[in-house]
Amino acid sequence: MDYADRKTEDLRAMRTAARQTYNDITREMHARGEIENKRDALMSRRFKKMQHNNSSGHKGVTFNKSADKWQAKIGGVHLGYFASSEGAADARKAAEASTWGEPG
């Protein structure tokens, strides 16, 4: 298996983990009666406003001081370290599209 195949396999595993994480959260919220339907919960998390103290200007992208790089996360799943916040944001957007589908 070459590098590209391993990277593709790793991305598939991350997407699956992100879906499972959001499904677990949604099930728990539904069981507690905090939401009426699961779709509303997922959509509200997806379109949540960015925090006021966000330094990158991108949702899910933070600066990791120990690595001295930008990192991207989605649903608690680490997507990697990047030299620029734009690179991390691109990775986050790709993960969003694969996890939730293309916006439309």
C-alpha atoms as a PDB file:
ATOM      1  CA  MET A   1       0.000   0.000   0.000  1.00  0.00           C
ATOM      2  CA  ASP A   2       1.511   3.324  -1.015  1.00  0.00           C
ATOM      3  CA  TYR A   3       1.288   6.656   0.796  1.00  0.00           C
ATOM      4  CA  ALA A   4      -1.755   7.918  -1.159  1.00  0.00           C
ATOM      5  CA  ASP A   5      -3.721   4.746  -0.412  1.00  0.00           C
ATOM      6  CA  ARG A   6      -2.884   4.957   3.297  1.00  0.00           C
ATOM      7  CA  LYS A   7      -3.862   8.634   3.384  1.00  0.00           C
ATOM      8  CA  THR A   8      -7.179   7.855   1.662  1.00  0.00           C
ATOM      9  CA  GLU A   9      -7.830   5.049   4.120  1.00  0.00           C
ATOM     10  CA  ASP A  10      -7.020   7.352   7.046  1.00  0.00           C
ATOM     11  CA  LEU A  11      -9.423  10.017   5.729  1.00  0.00           C
ATOM     12  CA  ARG A  12     -12.197   7.448   5.394  1.00  0.00           C
ATOM     13  CA  ALA A  13     -11.622   6.343   8.983  1.00  0.00           C
ATOM     14  CA  MET A  14     -11.728   9.973  10.196  1.00  0.00           C
ATOM     15  CA  ARG A  15     -14.967  10.632   8.318  1.00  0.00           C
ATOM     16  CA  THR A  16     -16.545   7.548   9.861  1.00  0.00           C
ATOM     17  CA  ALA A  17     -15.393   8.603  13.346  1.00  0.00           C
ATOM     18  CA  ALA A  18     -16.779  12.124  12.844  1.00  0.00           C
ATOM     19  CA  ARG A  19     -20.152  10.746  11.717  1.00  0.00           C
ATOM     20  CA  GLN A  20     -20.280   8.397  14.710  1.00  0.00           C
ATOM     21  CA  THR A  21     -19.413  11.218  17.109  1.00  0.00           C
ATOM     22  CA  TYR A  22     -22.208  13.466  15.818  1.00  0.00           C
ATOM     23  CA  ASN A  23     -24.681  10.594  15.738  1.00  0.00           C
ATOM     24  CA  ASP A  24     -23.857   9.723  19.359  1.00  0.00           C
ATOM     25  CA  ILE A  25     -24.269  13.334  20.476  1.00  0.00           C
ATOM     26  CA  THR A  26     -27.556  13.627  18.629  1.00  0.00           C
ATOM     27  CA  ARG A  27     -28.920  10.389  20.105  1.00  0.00           C
ATOM     28  CA  GLU A  28     -28.036  11.556  23.617  1.00  0.00           C
ATOM     29  CA  MET A  29     -29.683  14.959  23.125  1.00  0.00           C
ATOM     30  CA  HIS A  30     -32.790  13.308  21.674  1.00  0.00           C
ATOM     31  CA  ALA A  31     -32.989  10.886  24.623  1.00  0.00           C
ATOM     32  CA  ARG A  32     -32.776  13.781  27.109  1.00  0.00           C
ATOM     33  CA  GLY A  33     -35.581  15.572  25.282  1.00  0.00           C
ATOM     34  CA  GLU A  34     -33.406  18.533  24.292  1.00  0.00           C
ATOM     35  CA  ILE A  35     -34.361  18.177  20.642  1.00  0.00           C
ATOM     36  CA  GLU A  36     -37.397  16.890  18.832  1.00  0.00           C
ATOM     37  CA  ASN A  37     -35.682  15.512  15.787  1.00  0.00           C
ATOM     38  CA  LYS A  38     -32.117  14.540  15.085  1.00  0.00           C
ATOM     39  CA  ARG A  39     -31.809  16.427  11.819  1.00  0.00           C
ATOM     40  CA  ASP A  40     -32.415  19.762  13.570  1.00  0.00           C
ATOM     41  CA  ALA A  41     -29.636  19.004  16.039  1.00  0.00           C
ATOM     42  CA  LEU A  42     -27.126  18.202  13.323  1.00  0.00           C
ATOM     43  CA  MET A  43     -28.047  21.280  11.336  1.00  0.00           C
ATOM     44  CA  SER A  44     -27.799  23.540  14.377  1.00  0.00           C
ATOM     45  CA  ARG A  45     -24.296  22.235  15.127  1.00  0.00           C
ATOM     46  CA  ARG A  46     -23.253  22.589  11.512  1.00  0.00           C
ATOM     47  CA  PHE A  47     -24.328  26.219  11.256  1.00  0.00           C
ATOM     48  CA  LYS A  48     -23.260  27.297  14.729  1.00  0.00           C
ATOM     49  CA  LYS A  49     -21.699  30.774  14.841  1.00  0.00           C
ATOM     50  CA  MET A  50     -17.956  31.128  15.161  1.00  0.00           C
ATOM     51  CA  GLN A  51     -16.672  32.079  18.610  1.00  0.00           C
ATOM     52  CA  HIS A  52     -15.745  35.723  19.131  1.00  0.00           C
ATOM     53  CA  ASN A  53     -12.174  34.859  20.133  1.00  0.00           C
ATOM     54  CA  ASN A  54     -11.414  32.739  17.049  1.00  0.00           C
ATOM     55  CA  SER A  55      -7.887  33.689  15.928  1.00  0.00           C
ATOM     56  CA  SER A  56      -7.886  31.840  12.595  1.00  0.00           C
ATOM     57  CA  GLY A  57     -11.095  33.282  11.202  1.00  0.00           C
ATOM     58  CA  HIS A  58     -12.203  29.741  10.266  1.00  0.00           C
ATOM     59  CA  LYS A  59     -14.455  27.369  12.170  1.00  0.00           C
ATOM     60  CA  GLY A  60     -12.624  24.272  13.463  1.00  0.00           C
ATOM     61  CA  VAL A  61      -9.149  25.721  12.884  1.00  0.00           C
ATOM     62  CA  THR A  62      -6.842  26.577  15.792  1.00  0.00           C
ATOM     63  CA  PHE A  63      -3.170  27.339  16.261  1.00  0.00           C
ATOM     64  CA  ASN A  64      -1.218  24.659  18.122  1.00  0.00           C
ATOM     65  CA  LYS A  65       1.680  26.354  19.925  1.00  0.00           C
ATOM     66  CA  SER A  66       3.581  23.150  20.723  1.00  0.00           C
ATOM     67  CA  ALA A  67       3.589  22.079  17.065  1.00  0.00           C
ATOM     68  CA  ASP A  68       3.893  25.693  15.838  1.00  0.00           C
ATOM     69  CA  LYS A  69       1.294  24.908  13.169  1.00  0.00           C
ATOM     70  CA  TRP A  70      -2.388  25.318  12.457  1.00  0.00           C
ATOM     71  CA  GLN A  71      -4.588  22.326  13.151  1.00  0.00           C
ATOM     72  CA  ALA A  72      -8.009  21.402  11.836  1.00  0.00           C
ATOM     73  CA  LYS A  73     -10.668  19.407  13.694  1.00  0.00           C
ATOM     74  CA  ILE A  74     -14.203  18.309  12.972  1.00  0.00           C
ATOM     75  CA  GLY A  75     -16.396  16.731  15.603  1.00  0.00           C
ATOM     76  CA  GLY A  76     -13.431  16.086  17.870  1.00  0.00           C
ATOM     77  CA  VAL A  77     -11.553  14.310  15.078  1.00  0.00           C
ATOM     78  CA  HIS A  78      -8.077  15.679  14.373  1.00  0.00           C
ATOM     79  CA  LEU A  79      -7.594  16.299  10.634  1.00  0.00           C
ATOM     80  CA  GLY A  80      -3.920  17.262  10.718  1.00  0.00           C
ATOM     81  CA  TYR A  81      -1.393  20.070  11.126  1.00  0.00           C
ATOM     82  CA  PHE A  82      -0.893  22.708   8.434  1.00  0.00           C
ATOM     83  CA  ALA A  83       1.574  25.505   7.747  1.00  0.00           C
ATOM     84  CA  SER A  84      -1.224  28.019   7.086  1.00  0.00           C
ATOM     85  CA  SER A  85      -4.697  28.603   8.463  1.00  0.00           C
ATOM     86  CA  GLU A  86      -6.021  28.513   4.891  1.00  0.00           C
ATOM     87  CA  GLY A  87      -4.657  24.992   4.379  1.00  0.00           C
ATOM     88  CA  ALA A  88      -6.301  23.861   7.610  1.00  0.00           C
ATOM     89  CA  ALA A  89      -9.564  25.555   6.606  1.00  0.00           C
ATOM     90  CA  ASP A  90      -9.502  23.766   3.236  1.00  0.00           C
ATOM     91  CA  ALA A  91      -9.066  20.423   5.014  1.00  0.00           C
ATOM     92  CA  ARG A  92     -11.932  21.272   7.368  1.00  0.00           C
ATOM     93  CA  LYS A  93     -14.198  22.207   4.430  1.00  0.00           C
ATOM     94  CA  ALA A  94     -13.373  18.937   2.655  1.00  0.00           C
ATOM     95  CA  ALA A  95     -14.189  17.011   5.827  1.00  0.00           C
ATOM     96  CA  GLU A  96     -17.465  18.936   6.217  1.00  0.00           C
ATOM     97  CA  ALA A  97     -18.452  18.066   2.649  1.00  0.00           C
ATOM     98  CA  SER A  98     -17.688  14.377   3.142  1.00  0.00           C
ATOM     99  CA  THR A  99     -19.353  14.228   6.568  1.00  0.00           C
ATOM    100  CA  TRP A 100     -22.482  16.273   5.924  1.00  0.00           C
ATOM    101  CA  GLY A 101     -22.602  16.375   2.137  1.00  0.00           C
ATOM    102  CA  GLU A 102     -22.254  19.317  -0.155  1.00  0.00           C
ATOM    103  CA  PRO A 103     -24.281  22.371   0.931  1.00  0.00           C
ATOM    104  CA  GLY A 104     -27.092  23.065  -1.354  1.00  0.00           C
END
